[in-house]
Amino acid sequence: MKMFLTRLGYESKAVITGDVTQIDLPDHRRSGLTEAESLLRGIEGIAFCYFTEVDVVRHPLVAEIIRAYDRKTQNNSAGRPPGSEG
């Protein structure tokens, strides 16, 4: 990420897309996307946009899939075992 970002020239623009919920690196490895977000937040001229299922313009089932994974994440964060919604 650093290599890419440090190559920006005058009048250039870059858009980097990624989904932090789909990082599949081993636990000891940090994602370049999340590292860039934490290092660059608050720098003038750099912005971060976050999308939800409302922004999905694919098949309606994709929005349902996103909601299902969000529920799992919320349940895991609350200390509940996966699959024990309700």
C-alpha atoms as a PDB file:
ATOM      1  CA  MET A   1       0.000   0.000   0.000  1.00  0.00           C
ATOM      2  CA  LYS A   2       2.803   2.389   0.920  1.00  0.00           C
ATOM      3  CA  MET A   3       4.564   1.685  -2.369  1.00  0.00           C
ATOM      4  CA  PHE A   4       1.416   2.553  -4.326  1.00  0.00           C
ATOM      5  CA  LEU A   5       0.456   5.626  -2.336  1.00  0.00           C
ATOM      6  CA  THR A   6       3.916   7.172  -2.441  1.00  0.00           C
ATOM      7  CA  ARG A   7       3.870   7.149  -6.248  1.00  0.00           C
ATOM      8  CA  LEU A   8       1.026   9.678  -6.524  1.00  0.00           C
ATOM      9  CA  GLY A   9       1.980  12.732  -8.568  1.00  0.00           C
ATOM     10  CA  TYR A  10       0.711  16.298  -8.743  1.00  0.00           C
ATOM     11  CA  GLU A  11      -2.940  16.604  -9.781  1.00  0.00           C
ATOM     12  CA  SER A  12      -3.376  12.835  -9.489  1.00  0.00           C
ATOM     13  CA  LYS A  13      -6.234  11.037  -7.807  1.00  0.00           C
ATOM     14  CA  ALA A  14      -6.489   7.470  -6.610  1.00  0.00           C
ATOM     15  CA  VAL A  15      -9.348   5.337  -5.400  1.00  0.00           C
ATOM     16  CA  ILE A  16      -8.545   2.237  -3.412  1.00  0.00           C
ATOM     17  CA  THR A  17     -11.340  -0.207  -2.795  1.00  0.00           C
ATOM     18  CA  GLY A  18     -11.445  -3.018  -0.314  1.00  0.00           C
ATOM     19  CA  ASP A  19     -13.614  -4.803   2.174  1.00  0.00           C
ATOM     20  CA  VAL A  20     -12.135  -5.127   5.650  1.00  0.00           C
ATOM     21  CA  THR A  21     -14.686  -7.852   6.422  1.00  0.00           C
ATOM     22  CA  GLN A  22     -13.056 -10.064   3.800  1.00  0.00           C
ATOM     23  CA  ILE A  23      -9.452  -9.970   5.008  1.00  0.00           C
ATOM     24  CA  ASP A  24      -8.164 -13.528   5.109  1.00  0.00           C
ATOM     25  CA  LEU A  25      -4.572 -12.976   6.253  1.00  0.00           C
ATOM     26  CA  PRO A  26      -3.192 -15.055   9.128  1.00  0.00           C
ATOM     27  CA  ASP A  27      -3.814 -13.466  12.549  1.00  0.00           C
ATOM     28  CA  HIS A  28      -0.254 -12.186  12.911  1.00  0.00           C
ATOM     29  CA  ARG A  29      -0.335 -10.299   9.581  1.00  0.00           C
ATOM     30  CA  ARG A  30      -1.896  -6.845   9.371  1.00  0.00           C
ATOM     31  CA  SER A  31      -3.860  -5.822   6.308  1.00  0.00           C
ATOM     32  CA  GLY A  32      -2.365  -2.963   4.316  1.00  0.00           C
ATOM     33  CA  LEU A  33      -5.883  -1.615   3.928  1.00  0.00           C
ATOM     34  CA  THR A  34      -6.553  -1.374   7.667  1.00  0.00           C
ATOM     35  CA  GLU A  35      -3.058  -0.081   8.335  1.00  0.00           C
ATOM     36  CA  ALA A  36      -3.468   2.683   5.741  1.00  0.00           C
ATOM     37  CA  GLU A  37      -6.845   3.581   7.224  1.00  0.00           C
ATOM     38  CA  SER A  38      -5.444   3.979  10.734  1.00  0.00           C
ATOM     39  CA  LEU A  39      -2.327   5.875   9.601  1.00  0.00           C
ATOM     40  CA  LEU A  40      -3.973   8.215   7.107  1.00  0.00           C
ATOM     41  CA  ARG A  41      -7.236   9.053   8.872  1.00  0.00           C
ATOM     42  CA  GLY A  42      -7.445  12.776   9.493  1.00  0.00           C
ATOM     43  CA  ILE A  43      -5.021  13.818   6.745  1.00  0.00           C
ATOM     44  CA  GLU A  44      -6.514  16.602   4.648  1.00  0.00           C
ATOM     45  CA  GLY A  45      -7.227  15.429   1.101  1.00  0.00           C
ATOM     46  CA  ILE A  46      -7.729  11.782   2.105  1.00  0.00           C
ATOM     47  CA  ALA A  47     -11.227  10.446   2.673  1.00  0.00           C
ATOM     48  CA  PHE A  48     -12.719   7.087   3.598  1.00  0.00           C
ATOM     49  CA  CYS A  49     -16.183   5.968   2.484  1.00  0.00           C
ATOM     50  CA  TYR A  50     -18.066   3.078   4.054  1.00  0.00           C
ATOM     51  CA  PHE A  51     -20.850   1.194   2.340  1.00  0.00           C
ATOM     52  CA  THR A  52     -23.651  -0.942   3.750  1.00  0.00           C
ATOM     53  CA  GLU A  53     -26.165  -3.354   2.254  1.00  0.00           C
ATOM     54  CA  VAL A  54     -28.173  -0.300   1.157  1.00  0.00           C
ATOM     55  CA  ASP A  55     -25.410   0.480  -1.335  1.00  0.00           C
ATOM     56  CA  VAL A  56     -25.516  -2.974  -2.921  1.00  0.00           C
ATOM     57  CA  VAL A  57     -26.813  -2.746  -6.479  1.00  0.00           C
ATOM     58  CA  ARG A  58     -26.537  -6.427  -7.250  1.00  0.00           C
ATOM     59  CA  HIS A  59     -29.108  -9.140  -6.855  1.00  0.00           C
ATOM     60  CA  PRO A  60     -31.320  -8.614  -3.756  1.00  0.00           C
ATOM     61  CA  LEU A  61     -29.944 -11.819  -2.263  1.00  0.00           C
ATOM     62  CA  VAL A  62     -26.523 -10.166  -1.995  1.00  0.00           C
ATOM     63  CA  ALA A  63     -27.954  -7.627   0.463  1.00  0.00           C
ATOM     64  CA  GLU A  64     -29.445 -10.518   2.488  1.00  0.00           C
ATOM     65  CA  ILE A  65     -26.072 -12.280   2.512  1.00  0.00           C
ATOM     66  CA  ILE A  66     -24.377  -9.116   3.776  1.00  0.00           C
ATOM     67  CA  ARG A  67     -26.970  -8.761   6.548  1.00  0.00           C
ATOM     68  CA  ALA A  68     -26.462 -12.397   7.571  1.00  0.00           C
ATOM     69  CA  TYR A  69     -22.708 -11.922   7.879  1.00  0.00           C
ATOM     70  CA  ASP A  70     -23.225  -8.664   9.783  1.00  0.00           C
ATOM     71  CA  ARG A  71     -25.485 -10.500  12.251  1.00  0.00           C
ATOM     72  CA  LYS A  72     -22.808 -13.147  12.746  1.00  0.00           C
ATOM     73  CA  THR A  73     -20.180 -10.467  13.406  1.00  0.00           C
ATOM     74  CA  GLN A  74     -22.462  -8.698  15.890  1.00  0.00           C
ATOM     75  CA  ASN A  75     -23.244 -11.962  17.681  1.00  0.00           C
ATOM     76  CA  ASN A  76     -19.559 -12.892  17.882  1.00  0.00           C
ATOM     77  CA  SER A  77     -18.750  -9.438  19.239  1.00  0.00           C
ATOM     78  CA  ALA A  78     -21.395  -9.880  21.918  1.00  0.00           C
ATOM     79  CA  GLY A  79     -19.748 -13.114  23.061  1.00  0.00           C
ATOM     80  CA  ARG A  80     -22.403 -15.400  21.657  1.00  0.00           C
ATOM     81  CA  PRO A  81     -21.389 -18.533  19.771  1.00  0.00           C
ATOM     82  CA  PRO A  82     -21.958 -18.442  15.979  1.00  0.00           C
ATOM     83  CA  GLY A  83     -25.402 -19.635  14.929  1.00  0.00           C
ATOM     84  CA  SER A  84     -27.107 -18.740  18.211  1.00  0.00           C
ATOM     85  CA  GLU A  85     -29.094 -15.744  17.037  1.00  0.00           C
ATOM     86  CA  GLY A  86     -32.134 -14.759  19.019  1.00  0.00           C
END
